[in-house]
Amino acid sequence: MAFLSNLELAEGDLTNTVSFLVGNDAFYLAIDQEVDVEAEVEKLAAELAHAQRFVEGINRKLSNEKFVQNAHPDVVAKERQKYEDGQARIKSLEETLARLKG
């Protein structure tokens, strides 16, 4: 929840914004103060490392033939969805980091 004076869809220049992720969606909040880019990069790098470890764990599980054969199909489908969501999150984090570093 937020108290907003306005909400706009914007494209293009994202300078003077702070980004945050909700699920796999990236949002940018315009701010009137300077952003500590180094701190933001560190935070996003830590999130990226966590997301990569999460996806690696799911990939190991899905690569295990015994798991895939013996688990209920709904469980396997949920794991595949978590893997796809994790991949999308990694892509979004990488794009945000590239924008901050570039």
PDB file of N, CA and C in Angstrom:
ATOM      1  N   MET A   1       0.834  -1.178   0.000  1.00  0.00           N
ATOM      2  CA  MET A   1       0.000   0.000   0.000  1.00  0.00           C
ATOM      3  C   MET A   1       0.878   1.240   0.000  1.00  0.00           C
ATOM      4  N   ALA A   2       0.374   2.256  -0.653  1.00  0.00           N
ATOM      5  CA  ALA A   2       1.131   3.503  -0.705  1.00  0.00           C
ATOM      6  C   ALA A   2       0.169   4.663  -0.895  1.00  0.00           C
ATOM      7  N   PHE A   3       0.578   5.809  -0.431  1.00  0.00           N
ATOM      8  CA  PHE A   3      -0.167   7.032  -0.686  1.00  0.00           C
ATOM      9  C   PHE A   3       0.569   7.756  -1.805  1.00  0.00           C
ATOM     10  N   LEU A   4      -0.033   7.776  -2.973  1.00  0.00           N
ATOM     11  CA  LEU A   4       0.614   8.348  -4.142  1.00  0.00           C
ATOM     12  C   LEU A   4      -0.114   9.604  -4.586  1.00  0.00           C
ATOM     13  N   SER A   5       0.671  10.575  -4.998  1.00  0.00           N
ATOM     14  CA  SER A   5       0.044  11.771  -5.564  1.00  0.00           C
ATOM     15  C   SER A   5      -0.353  11.512  -7.010  1.00  0.00           C
ATOM     16  N   ASN A   6       0.411  10.651  -7.701  1.00  0.00           N
ATOM     17  CA  ASN A   6       0.040  10.230  -9.047  1.00  0.00           C
ATOM     18  C   ASN A   6       0.781   8.947  -9.401  1.00  0.00           C
ATOM     19  N   LEU A   7       0.313   8.285 -10.432  1.00  0.00           N
ATOM     20  CA  LEU A   7       0.911   7.053 -10.920  1.00  0.00           C
ATOM     21  C   LEU A   7       0.967   7.164 -12.429  1.00  0.00           C
ATOM     22  N   GLU A   8       2.158   7.006 -12.977  1.00  0.00           N
ATOM     23  CA  GLU A   8       2.336   7.146 -14.410  1.00  0.00           C
ATOM     24  C   GLU A   8       3.101   5.955 -14.961  1.00  0.00           C
ATOM     25  N   LEU A   9       2.730   5.535 -16.156  1.00  0.00           N
ATOM     26  CA  LEU A   9       3.522   4.558 -16.879  1.00  0.00           C
ATOM     27  C   LEU A   9       4.560   5.341 -17.652  1.00  0.00           C
ATOM     28  N   ALA A  10       5.809   4.979 -17.470  1.00  0.00           N
ATOM     29  CA  ALA A  10       6.885   5.724 -18.114  1.00  0.00           C
ATOM     30  C   ALA A  10       7.770   4.778 -18.899  1.00  0.00           C
ATOM     31  N   GLU A  11       8.323   5.298 -19.968  1.00  0.00           N
ATOM     32  CA  GLU A  11       9.283   4.546 -20.768  1.00  0.00           C
ATOM     33  C   GLU A  11      10.506   5.419 -20.973  1.00  0.00           C
ATOM     34  N   GLY A  12      11.609   4.777 -21.249  1.00  0.00           N
ATOM     35  CA  GLY A  12      12.802   5.547 -21.568  1.00  0.00           C
ATOM     36  C   GLY A  12      13.682   5.795 -20.365  1.00  0.00           C
ATOM     37  N   ASP A  13      13.999   7.056 -20.141  1.00  0.00           N
ATOM     38  CA  ASP A  13      14.959   7.464 -19.120  1.00  0.00           C
ATOM     39  C   ASP A  13      14.482   7.099 -17.716  1.00  0.00           C
ATOM     40  N   LEU A  14      15.291   6.309 -17.038  1.00  0.00           N
ATOM     41  CA  LEU A  14      14.950   5.888 -15.677  1.00  0.00           C
ATOM     42  C   LEU A  14      15.945   6.444 -14.671  1.00  0.00           C
ATOM     43  N   THR A  15      16.567   7.575 -15.013  1.00  0.00           N
ATOM     44  CA  THR A  15      17.492   8.181 -14.063  1.00  0.00           C
ATOM     45  C   THR A  15      16.702   8.723 -12.885  1.00  0.00           C
ATOM     46  N   ASN A  16      17.370   8.835 -11.765  1.00  0.00           N
ATOM     47  CA  ASN A  16      16.751   9.301 -10.520  1.00  0.00           C
ATOM     48  C   ASN A  16      15.555   8.437 -10.122  1.00  0.00           C
ATOM     49  N   THR A  17      15.725   7.137 -10.293  1.00  0.00           N
ATOM     50  CA  THR A  17      14.693   6.198  -9.860  1.00  0.00           C
ATOM     51  C   THR A  17      15.326   5.126  -8.986  1.00  0.00           C
ATOM     52  N   VAL A  18      14.511   4.530  -8.167  1.00  0.00           N
ATOM     53  CA  VAL A  18      14.897   3.372  -7.376  1.00  0.00           C
ATOM     54  C   VAL A  18      14.033   2.226  -7.871  1.00  0.00           C
ATOM     55  N   SER A  19      14.663   1.102  -8.148  1.00  0.00           N
ATOM     56  CA  SER A  19      13.907  -0.039  -8.656  1.00  0.00           C
ATOM     57  C   SER A  19      13.633  -1.022  -7.530  1.00  0.00           C
ATOM     58  N   PHE A  20      12.544  -1.756  -7.680  1.00  0.00           N
ATOM     59  CA  PHE A  20      12.241  -2.846  -6.764  1.00  0.00           C
ATOM     60  C   PHE A  20      11.428  -3.876  -7.518  1.00  0.00           C
ATOM     61  N   LEU A  21      11.516  -5.103  -7.064  1.00  0.00           N
ATOM     62  CA  LEU A  21      10.822  -6.199  -7.711  1.00  0.00           C
ATOM     63  C   LEU A  21       9.673  -6.673  -6.845  1.00  0.00           C
ATOM     64  N   VAL A  22       8.568  -6.958  -7.496  1.00  0.00           N
ATOM     65  CA  VAL A  22       7.439  -7.611  -6.852  1.00  0.00           C
ATOM     66  C   VAL A  22       7.164  -8.837  -7.707  1.00  0.00           C
ATOM     67  N   GLY A  23       7.500  -9.995  -7.152  1.00  0.00           N
ATOM     68  CA  GLY A  23       7.430 -11.200  -7.971  1.00  0.00           C
ATOM     69  C   GLY A  23       8.472 -11.089  -9.066  1.00  0.00           C
ATOM     70  N   ASN A  24       8.027 -11.155 -10.305  1.00  0.00           N
ATOM     71  CA  ASN A  24       8.935 -11.022 -11.441  1.00  0.00           C
ATOM     72  C   ASN A  24       8.804  -9.668 -12.125  1.00  0.00           C
ATOM     73  N   ASP A  25       8.026  -8.779 -11.567  1.00  0.00           N
ATOM     74  CA  ASP A  25       7.789  -7.478 -12.178  1.00  0.00           C
ATOM     75  C   ASP A  25       8.690  -6.421 -11.545  1.00  0.00           C
ATOM     76  N   ALA A  26       9.328  -5.624 -12.390  1.00  0.00           N
ATOM     77  CA  ALA A  26      10.181  -4.542 -11.911  1.00  0.00           C
ATOM     78  C   ALA A  26       9.385  -3.246 -11.899  1.00  0.00           C
ATOM     79  N   PHE A  27       9.540  -2.486 -10.834  1.00  0.00           N
ATOM     80  CA  PHE A  27       8.895  -1.190 -10.696  1.00  0.00           C
ATOM     81  C   PHE A  27       9.973  -0.159 -10.403  1.00  0.00           C
ATOM     82  N   TYR A  28       9.722   1.060 -10.828  1.00  0.00           N
ATOM     83  CA  TYR A  28      10.678   2.141 -10.628  1.00  0.00           C
ATOM     84  C   TYR A  28       9.970   3.295  -9.963  1.00  0.00           C
ATOM     85  N   LEU A  29      10.573   3.798  -8.929  1.00  0.00           N
ATOM     86  CA  LEU A  29      10.010   4.895  -8.155  1.00  0.00           C
ATOM     87  C   LEU A  29      10.885   6.117  -8.348  1.00  0.00           C
ATOM     88  N   ALA A  30      10.293   7.174  -8.902  1.00  0.00           N
ATOM     89  CA  ALA A  30      11.047   8.417  -9.104  1.00  0.00           C
ATOM     90  C   ALA A  30      11.276   9.071  -7.752  1.00  0.00           C
ATOM     91  N   ILE A  31      12.502   9.532  -7.551  1.00  0.00           N
ATOM     92  CA  ILE A  31      12.837  10.178  -6.295  1.00  0.00           C
ATOM     93  C   ILE A  31      13.532  11.500  -6.575  1.00  0.00           C
ATOM     94  N   ASP A  32      13.484  12.376  -5.594  1.00  0.00           N
ATOM     95  CA  ASP A  32      14.094  13.696  -5.730  1.00  0.00           C
ATOM     96  C   ASP A  32      15.433  13.793  -5.011  1.00  0.00           C
ATOM     97  N   GLN A  33      16.015  12.658  -4.661  1.00  0.00           N
ATOM     98  CA  GLN A  33      17.296  12.683  -3.977  1.00  0.00           C
ATOM     99  C   GLN A  33      18.260  11.737  -4.674  1.00  0.00           C
ATOM    100  N   GLU A  34      19.526  11.888  -4.361  1.00  0.00           N
ATOM    101  CA  GLU A  34      20.548  11.073  -4.985  1.00  0.00           C
ATOM    102  C   GLU A  34      20.484   9.643  -4.440  1.00  0.00           C
ATOM    103  N   VAL A  35      20.709   8.685  -5.324  1.00  0.00           N
ATOM    104  CA  VAL A  35      20.682   7.271  -4.959  1.00  0.00           C
ATOM    105  C   VAL A  35      22.111   6.793  -4.756  1.00  0.00           C
ATOM    106  N   ASP A  36      22.339   6.040  -3.700  1.00  0.00           N
ATOM    107  CA  ASP A  36      23.643   5.416  -3.462  1.00  0.00           C
ATOM    108  C   ASP A  36      23.721   4.195  -4.367  1.00  0.00           C
ATOM    109  N   VAL A  37      24.273   4.403  -5.551  1.00  0.00           N
ATOM    110  CA  VAL A  37      24.304   3.360  -6.569  1.00  0.00           C
ATOM    111  C   VAL A  37      25.083   2.147  -6.091  1.00  0.00           C
ATOM    112  N   GLU A  38      26.206   2.368  -5.414  1.00  0.00           N
ATOM    113  CA  GLU A  38      27.015   1.246  -4.935  1.00  0.00           C
ATOM    114  C   GLU A  38      26.237   0.368  -3.964  1.00  0.00           C
ATOM    115  N   ALA A  39      25.502   0.985  -3.058  1.00  0.00           N
ATOM    116  CA  ALA A  39      24.702   0.213  -2.099  1.00  0.00           C
ATOM    117  C   ALA A  39      23.588  -0.541  -2.814  1.00  0.00           C
ATOM    118  N   GLU A  40      22.982   0.098  -3.794  1.00  0.00           N
ATOM    119  CA  GLU A  40      21.910  -0.553  -4.565  1.00  0.00           C
ATOM    120  C   GLU A  40      22.468  -1.731  -5.354  1.00  0.00           C
ATOM    121  N   VAL A  41      23.644  -1.572  -5.938  1.00  0.00           N
ATOM    122  CA  VAL A  41      24.287  -2.657  -6.692  1.00  0.00           C
ATOM    123  C   VAL A  41      24.599  -3.827  -5.761  1.00  0.00           C
ATOM    124  N   GLU A  42      25.116  -3.533  -4.570  1.00  0.00           N
ATOM    125  CA  GLU A  42      25.412  -4.594  -3.600  1.00  0.00           C
ATOM    126  C   GLU A  42      24.155  -5.360  -3.211  1.00  0.00           C
ATOM    127  N   LYS A  43      23.084  -4.623  -2.958  1.00  0.00           N
ATOM    128  CA  LYS A  43      21.823  -5.254  -2.561  1.00  0.00           C
ATOM    129  C   LYS A  43      21.290  -6.145  -3.681  1.00  0.00           C
ATOM    130  N   LEU A  44      21.310  -5.627  -4.901  1.00  0.00           N
ATOM    131  CA  LEU A  44      20.804  -6.403  -6.033  1.00  0.00           C
ATOM    132  C   LEU A  44      21.705  -7.594  -6.342  1.00  0.00           C
ATOM    133  N   ALA A  45      23.012  -7.435  -6.179  1.00  0.00           N
ATOM    134  CA  ALA A  45      23.935  -8.549  -6.399  1.00  0.00           C
ATOM    135  C   ALA A  45      23.661  -9.671  -5.404  1.00  0.00           C
ATOM    136  N   ALA A  46      23.368  -9.317  -4.170  1.00  0.00           N
ATOM    137  CA  ALA A  46      23.036 -10.335  -3.158  1.00  0.00           C
ATOM    138  C   ALA A  46      21.720 -11.028  -3.504  1.00  0.00           C
ATOM    139  N   GLU A  47      20.744 -10.257  -3.954  1.00  0.00           N
ATOM    140  CA  GLU A  47      19.471 -10.853  -4.378  1.00  0.00           C
ATOM    141  C   GLU A  47      19.676 -11.780  -5.563  1.00  0.00           C
ATOM    142  N   LEU A  48      20.530 -11.367  -6.510  1.00  0.00           N
ATOM    143  CA  LEU A  48      20.811 -12.183  -7.689  1.00  0.00           C
ATOM    144  C   LEU A  48      21.473 -13.496  -7.282  1.00  0.00           C
ATOM    145  N   ALA A  49      22.451 -13.435  -6.390  1.00  0.00           N
ATOM    146  CA  ALA A  49      23.121 -14.654  -5.933  1.00  0.00           C
ATOM    147  C   ALA A  49      22.136 -15.600  -5.258  1.00  0.00           C
ATOM    148  N   HIS A  50      21.234 -15.046  -4.452  1.00  0.00           N
ATOM    149  CA  HIS A  50      20.220 -15.870  -3.786  1.00  0.00           C
ATOM    150  C   HIS A  50      19.295 -16.516  -4.822  1.00  0.00           C
ATOM    151  N   ALA A  51      18.857 -15.749  -5.796  1.00  0.00           N
ATOM    152  CA  ALA A  51      17.962 -16.274  -6.833  1.00  0.00           C
ATOM    153  C   ALA A  51      18.660 -17.357  -7.646  1.00  0.00           C
ATOM    154  N   GLN A  52      19.938 -17.170  -7.930  1.00  0.00           N
ATOM    155  CA  GLN A  52      20.678 -18.176  -8.694  1.00  0.00           C
ATOM    156  C   GLN A  52      20.810 -19.476  -7.913  1.00  0.00           C
ATOM    157  N   ARG A  53      21.089 -19.374  -6.609  1.00  0.00           N
ATOM    158  CA  ARG A  53      21.166 -20.591  -5.781  1.00  0.00           C
ATOM    159  C   ARG A  53      19.814 -21.292  -5.727  1.00  0.00           C
ATOM    160  N   PHE A  54      18.745 -20.521  -5.613  1.00  0.00           N
ATOM    161  CA  PHE A  54      17.398 -21.075  -5.567  1.00  0.00           C
ATOM    162  C   PHE A  54      17.097 -21.849  -6.851  1.00  0.00           C
ATOM    163  N   VAL A  55      17.396 -21.242  -7.996  1.00  0.00           N
ATOM    164  CA  VAL A  55      17.132 -21.884  -9.287  1.00  0.00           C
ATOM    165  C   VAL A  55      18.009 -23.123  -9.471  1.00  0.00           C
ATOM    166  N   GLU A  56      19.257 -23.053  -9.027  1.00  0.00           N
ATOM    167  CA  GLU A  56      20.141 -24.218  -9.114  1.00  0.00           C
ATOM    168  C   GLU A  56      19.578 -25.389  -8.317  1.00  0.00           C
ATOM    169  N   GLY A  57      19.034 -25.117  -7.127  1.00  0.00           N
ATOM    170  CA  GLY A  57      18.441 -26.170  -6.307  1.00  0.00           C
ATOM    171  C   GLY A  57      17.243 -26.806  -6.983  1.00  0.00           C
ATOM    172  N   ILE A  58      16.410 -25.992  -7.569  1.00  0.00           N
ATOM    173  CA  ILE A  58      15.239 -26.527  -8.275  1.00  0.00           C
ATOM    174  C   ILE A  58      15.679 -27.317  -9.495  1.00  0.00           C
ATOM    175  N   ASN A  59      16.686 -26.825 -10.198  1.00  0.00           N
ATOM    176  CA  ASN A  59      17.189 -27.526 -11.379  1.00  0.00           C
ATOM    177  C   ASN A  59      17.732 -28.903 -11.007  1.00  0.00           C
ATOM    178  N   ARG A  60      18.456 -28.977  -9.867  1.00  0.00           N
ATOM    179  CA  ARG A  60      18.950 -30.283  -9.408  1.00  0.00           C
ATOM    180  C   ARG A  60      17.783 -31.233  -9.125  1.00  0.00           C
ATOM    181  N   LYS A  61      16.745 -30.698  -8.500  1.00  0.00           N
ATOM    182  CA  LYS A  61      15.581 -31.523  -8.179  1.00  0.00           C
ATOM    183  C   LYS A  61      14.916 -32.029  -9.458  1.00  0.00           C
ATOM    184  N   LEU A  62      14.736 -31.136 -10.432  1.00  0.00           N
ATOM    185  CA  LEU A  62      14.077 -31.522 -11.685  1.00  0.00           C
ATOM    186  C   LEU A  62      14.961 -32.414 -12.553  1.00  0.00           C
ATOM    187  N   SER A  63      16.265 -32.374 -12.332  1.00  0.00           N
ATOM    188  CA  SER A  63      17.183 -33.239 -13.075  1.00  0.00           C
ATOM    189  C   SER A  63      17.224 -34.652 -12.493  1.00  0.00           C
ATOM    190  N   ASN A  64      16.687 -34.813 -11.298  1.00  0.00           N
ATOM    191  CA  ASN A  64      16.650 -36.111 -10.634  1.00  0.00           C
ATOM    192  C   ASN A  64      15.478 -36.915 -11.202  1.00  0.00           C
ATOM    193  N   GLU A  65      15.802 -37.927 -12.003  1.00  0.00           N
ATOM    194  CA  GLU A  65      14.751 -38.719 -12.657  1.00  0.00           C
ATOM    195  C   GLU A  65      13.824 -39.398 -11.650  1.00  0.00           C
ATOM    196  N   LYS A  66      14.373 -39.843 -10.519  1.00  0.00           N
ATOM    197  CA  LYS A  66      13.536 -40.497  -9.508  1.00  0.00           C
ATOM    198  C   LYS A  66      12.495 -39.525  -8.963  1.00  0.00           C
ATOM    199  N   PHE A  67      12.923 -38.273  -8.722  1.00  0.00           N
ATOM    200  CA  PHE A  67      11.969 -37.273  -8.231  1.00  0.00           C
ATOM    201  C   PHE A  67      10.856 -37.056  -9.250  1.00  0.00           C
ATOM    202  N   VAL A  68      11.235 -36.839 -10.491  1.00  0.00           N
ATOM    203  CA  VAL A  68      10.251 -36.536 -11.536  1.00  0.00           C
ATOM    204  C   VAL A  68       9.303 -37.722 -11.744  1.00  0.00           C
ATOM    205  N   GLN A  69       9.821 -38.944 -11.689  1.00  0.00           N
ATOM    206  CA  GLN A  69       8.986 -40.127 -11.909  1.00  0.00           C
ATOM    207  C   GLN A  69       8.077 -40.431 -10.728  1.00  0.00           C
ATOM    208  N   ASN A  70       8.567 -40.195  -9.499  1.00  0.00           N
ATOM    209  CA  ASN A  70       7.823 -40.612  -8.312  1.00  0.00           C
ATOM    210  C   ASN A  70       6.963 -39.522  -7.694  1.00  0.00           C
ATOM    211  N   ALA A  71       7.259 -38.284  -7.971  1.00  0.00           N
ATOM    212  CA  ALA A  71       6.483 -37.190  -7.378  1.00  0.00           C
ATOM    213  C   ALA A  71       5.141 -37.054  -8.083  1.00  0.00           C
ATOM    214  N   HIS A  72       4.182 -36.553  -7.352  1.00  0.00           N
ATOM    215  CA  HIS A  72       2.863 -36.286  -7.932  1.00  0.00           C
ATOM    216  C   HIS A  72       3.035 -35.253  -9.058  1.00  0.00           C
ATOM    217  N   PRO A  73       2.318 -35.420 -10.160  1.00  0.00           N
ATOM    218  CA  PRO A  73       2.457 -34.479 -11.283  1.00  0.00           C
ATOM    219  C   PRO A  73       2.250 -33.009 -10.904  1.00  0.00           C
ATOM    220  N   ASP A  74       1.372 -32.753  -9.935  1.00  0.00           N
ATOM    221  CA  ASP A  74       1.161 -31.373  -9.496  1.00  0.00           C
ATOM    222  C   ASP A  74       2.422 -30.798  -8.847  1.00  0.00           C
ATOM    223  N   VAL A  75       3.120 -31.631  -8.083  1.00  0.00           N
ATOM    224  CA  VAL A  75       4.348 -31.188  -7.413  1.00  0.00           C
ATOM    225  C   VAL A  75       5.419 -30.865  -8.463  1.00  0.00           C
ATOM    226  N   VAL A  76       5.546 -31.729  -9.451  1.00  0.00           N
ATOM    227  CA  VAL A  76       6.528 -31.502 -10.520  1.00  0.00           C
ATOM    228  C   VAL A  76       6.174 -30.230 -11.286  1.00  0.00           C
ATOM    229  N   ALA A  77       4.898 -30.028 -11.572  1.00  0.00           N
ATOM    230  CA  ALA A  77       4.464 -28.824 -12.289  1.00  0.00           C
ATOM    231  C   ALA A  77       4.777 -27.563 -11.479  1.00  0.00           C
ATOM    232  N   LYS A  78       4.556 -27.617 -10.162  1.00  0.00           N
ATOM    233  CA  LYS A  78       4.867 -26.466  -9.305  1.00  0.00           C
ATOM    234  C   LYS A  78       6.364 -26.172  -9.295  1.00  0.00           C
ATOM    235  N   GLU A  79       7.161 -27.224  -9.249  1.00  0.00           N
ATOM    236  CA  GLU A  79       8.614 -27.037  -9.270  1.00  0.00           C
ATOM    237  C   GLU A  79       9.052 -26.426 -10.599  1.00  0.00           C
ATOM    238  N   ARG A  80       8.467 -26.869 -11.689  1.00  0.00           N
ATOM    239  CA  ARG A  80       8.806 -26.293 -13.002  1.00  0.00           C
ATOM    240  C   ARG A  80       8.397 -24.820 -13.065  1.00  0.00           C
ATOM    241  N   GLN A  81       7.252 -24.493 -12.484  1.00  0.00           N
ATOM    242  CA  GLN A  81       6.813 -23.097 -12.466  1.00  0.00           C
ATOM    243  C   GLN A  81       7.750 -22.250 -11.612  1.00  0.00           C
ATOM    244  N   LYS A  82       8.176 -22.793 -10.464  1.00  0.00           N
ATOM    245  CA  LYS A  82       9.126 -22.068  -9.614  1.00  0.00           C
ATOM    246  C   LYS A  82      10.439 -21.839 -10.361  1.00  0.00           C
ATOM    247  N   TYR A  83      10.855 -22.832 -11.149  1.00  0.00           N
ATOM    248  CA  TYR A  83      12.082 -22.697 -11.929  1.00  0.00           C
ATOM    249  C   TYR A  83      11.929 -21.567 -12.953  1.00  0.00           C
ATOM    250  N   GLU A  84      10.817 -21.562 -13.676  1.00  0.00           N
ATOM    251  CA  GLU A  84      10.582 -20.515 -14.681  1.00  0.00           C
ATOM    252  C   GLU A  84      10.489 -19.139 -14.028  1.00  0.00           C
ATOM    253  N   ASP A  85       9.800 -19.040 -12.900  1.00  0.00           N
ATOM    254  CA  ASP A  85       9.700 -17.767 -12.181  1.00  0.00           C
ATOM    255  C   ASP A  85      11.081 -17.304 -11.705  1.00  0.00           C
ATOM    256  N   GLY A  86      11.876 -18.240 -11.223  1.00  0.00           N
ATOM    257  CA  GLY A  86      13.226 -17.915 -10.777  1.00  0.00           C
ATOM    258  C   GLY A  86      14.095 -17.420 -11.925  1.00  0.00           C
ATOM    259  N   GLN A  87      13.960 -18.057 -13.086  1.00  0.00           N
ATOM    260  CA  GLN A  87      14.715 -17.620 -14.260  1.00  0.00           C
ATOM    261  C   GLN A  87      14.312 -16.196 -14.656  1.00  0.00           C
ATOM    262  N   ALA A  88      13.021 -15.908 -14.611  1.00  0.00           N
ATOM    263  CA  ALA A  88      12.541 -14.562 -14.949  1.00  0.00           C
ATOM    264  C   ALA A  88      13.059 -13.541 -13.948  1.00  0.00           C
ATOM    265  N   ARG A  89      13.101 -13.909 -12.687  1.00  0.00           N
ATOM    266  CA  ARG A  89      13.616 -12.999 -11.651  1.00  0.00           C
ATOM    267  C   ARG A  89      15.107 -12.725 -11.867  1.00  0.00           C
ATOM    268  N   ILE A  90      15.854 -13.767 -12.197  1.00  0.00           N
ATOM    269  CA  ILE A  90      17.284 -13.599 -12.465  1.00  0.00           C
ATOM    270  C   ILE A  90      17.482 -12.640 -13.642  1.00  0.00           C
ATOM    271  N   LYS A  91      16.729 -12.826 -14.689  1.00  0.00           N
ATOM    272  CA  LYS A  91      16.847 -11.955 -15.865  1.00  0.00           C
ATOM    273  C   LYS A  91      16.554 -10.504 -15.488  1.00  0.00           C
ATOM    274  N   SER A  92      15.502 -10.295 -14.716  1.00  0.00           N
ATOM    275  CA  SER A  92      15.132  -8.944 -14.301  1.00  0.00           C
ATOM    276  C   SER A  92      16.215  -8.315 -13.432  1.00  0.00           C
ATOM    277  N   LEU A  93      16.765  -9.080 -12.510  1.00  0.00           N
ATOM    278  CA  LEU A  93      17.835  -8.568 -11.651  1.00  0.00           C
ATOM    279  C   LEU A  93      19.085  -8.240 -12.461  1.00  0.00           C
ATOM    280  N   GLU A  94      19.420  -9.108 -13.415  1.00  0.00           N
ATOM    281  CA  GLU A  94      20.586  -8.854 -14.252  1.00  0.00           C
ATOM    282  C   GLU A  94      20.404  -7.586 -15.079  1.00  0.00           C
ATOM    283  N   GLU A  95      19.208  -7.375 -15.613  1.00  0.00           N
ATOM    284  CA  GLU A  95      18.939  -6.175 -16.396  1.00  0.00           C
ATOM    285  C   GLU A  95      19.042  -4.912 -15.528  1.00  0.00           C
ATOM    286  N   THR A  96      18.517  -4.988 -14.325  1.00  0.00           N
ATOM    287  CA  THR A  96      18.575  -3.839 -13.414  1.00  0.00           C
ATOM    288  C   THR A  96      20.023  -3.549 -13.037  1.00  0.00           C
ATOM    289  N   LEU A  97      20.800  -4.587 -12.730  1.00  0.00           N
ATOM    290  CA  LEU A  97      22.209  -4.393 -12.400  1.00  0.00           C
ATOM    291  C   LEU A  97      22.971  -3.783 -13.573  1.00  0.00           C
ATOM    292  N   ALA A  98      22.707  -4.264 -14.772  1.00  0.00           N
ATOM    293  CA  ALA A  98      23.392  -3.725 -15.954  1.00  0.00           C
ATOM    294  C   ALA A  98      23.064  -2.249 -16.138  1.00  0.00           C
ATOM    295  N   ARG A  99      21.819  -1.901 -15.891  1.00  0.00           N
ATOM    296  CA  ARG A  99      21.411  -0.498 -16.022  1.00  0.00           C
ATOM    297  C   ARG A  99      22.124   0.373 -14.990  1.00  0.00           C
ATOM    298  N   LEU A 100      22.245  -0.135 -13.764  1.00  0.00           N
ATOM    299  CA  LEU A 100      22.919   0.630 -12.721  1.00  0.00           C
ATOM    300  C   LEU A 100      24.425   0.759 -12.970  1.00  0.00           C
ATOM    301  N   LYS A 101      25.020  -0.291 -13.484  1.00  0.00           N
ATOM    302  CA  LYS A 101      26.456  -0.276 -13.714  1.00  0.00           C
ATOM    303  C   LYS A 101      26.824   0.473 -14.992  1.00  0.00           C
ATOM    304  N   GLY A 102      25.888   0.508 -15.946  1.00  0.00           N
ATOM    305  CA  GLY A 102      26.183   1.100 -17.254  1.00  0.00           C
ATOM    306  C   GLY A 102      25.999   2.535 -17.265  1.00  0.00           C
TER     307      GLY A 102
END
